[in-house]
Amino acid sequence: MPKVKVRDPTTGQEVELEPIKVWSLAPKGRKGVKIGLFKSPTTGKYFRAKVPENYPA
């Protein structure tokens, strides 16, 4: 999977990471967003962030 530029909420830095998992989050009848699960390289904590809509699932 290609890397995505996201903001690490644990450190506040902009980092380029590869998501562990990607899924679509959509309420019924509305257009949704793609969410990715990432692991912080400095603290080791997991966090979720929005990935581009054209990102492969």
Protein backbone atom coordinates (compact mmCIF):
# COMPACT_ATOMS: atom_id res chain seq x y z
CA MET A 1 0.00 0.00 0.00
CA PRO A 2 1.27 3.51 -0.76
CA LYS A 3 2.18 5.88 2.04
CA VAL A 4 -0.13 8.71 3.13
CA LYS A 5 0.83 12.02 4.75
CA VAL A 6 -1.08 12.28 8.07
CA ARG A 7 -0.77 14.22 11.32
CA ASP A 8 0.26 12.05 14.27
CA PRO A 9 -2.08 13.09 17.14
CA THR A 10 0.27 11.74 19.82
CA THR A 11 3.22 13.94 18.77
CA GLY A 12 1.52 16.56 16.56
CA GLN A 13 3.96 15.98 13.68
CA GLU A 14 3.18 15.48 10.00
CA VAL A 15 4.44 12.00 9.08
CA GLU A 16 4.23 9.82 6.00
CA LEU A 17 2.96 6.37 7.00
CA GLU A 18 1.51 3.27 5.41
CA PRO A 19 -1.90 2.35 6.86
CA ILE A 20 -2.32 -1.02 8.54
CA LYS A 21 -5.97 -1.26 7.48
CA VAL A 22 -8.31 0.88 5.33
CA TRP A 23 -12.11 0.87 5.39
CA SER A 24 -15.04 2.98 4.30
CA LEU A 25 -17.14 4.75 6.91
CA ALA A 26 -20.53 5.81 5.52
CA PRO A 27 -23.86 6.56 7.20
CA LYS A 28 -26.96 5.12 5.51
CA GLY A 29 -27.89 6.97 2.34
CA ARG A 30 -24.94 9.40 2.45
CA LYS A 31 -21.50 9.58 0.92
CA GLY A 32 -18.84 8.35 3.30
CA VAL A 33 -15.12 8.76 3.85
CA LYS A 34 -12.19 6.34 3.87
CA ILE A 35 -10.47 5.82 7.21
CA GLY A 36 -7.07 4.28 7.81
CA LEU A 37 -5.52 2.72 10.91
CA PHE A 38 -1.95 3.90 11.57
CA LYS A 39 0.72 3.23 14.21
CA SER A 40 2.80 6.14 15.51
CA PRO A 41 6.52 5.52 14.81
CA THR A 42 7.65 7.40 17.93
CA THR A 43 5.13 6.37 20.61
CA GLY A 44 3.82 3.08 19.18
CA LYS A 45 0.19 4.11 19.77
CA TYR A 46 -2.47 3.38 17.16
CA PHE A 47 -4.65 6.13 15.67
CA ARG A 48 -7.17 6.59 12.85
CA ALA A 49 -7.01 9.23 10.14
CA LYS A 50 -8.80 10.06 6.91
CA VAL A 51 -7.15 8.79 3.72
CA PRO A 52 -7.79 10.07 0.16
CA GLU A 53 -10.99 8.83 -1.50
CA ASN A 54 -9.04 7.25 -4.39
CA TYR A 55 -6.86 5.19 -2.01
CA PRO A 56 -7.07 1.42 -2.68
CA ALA A 57 -9.04 -0.48 -0.03
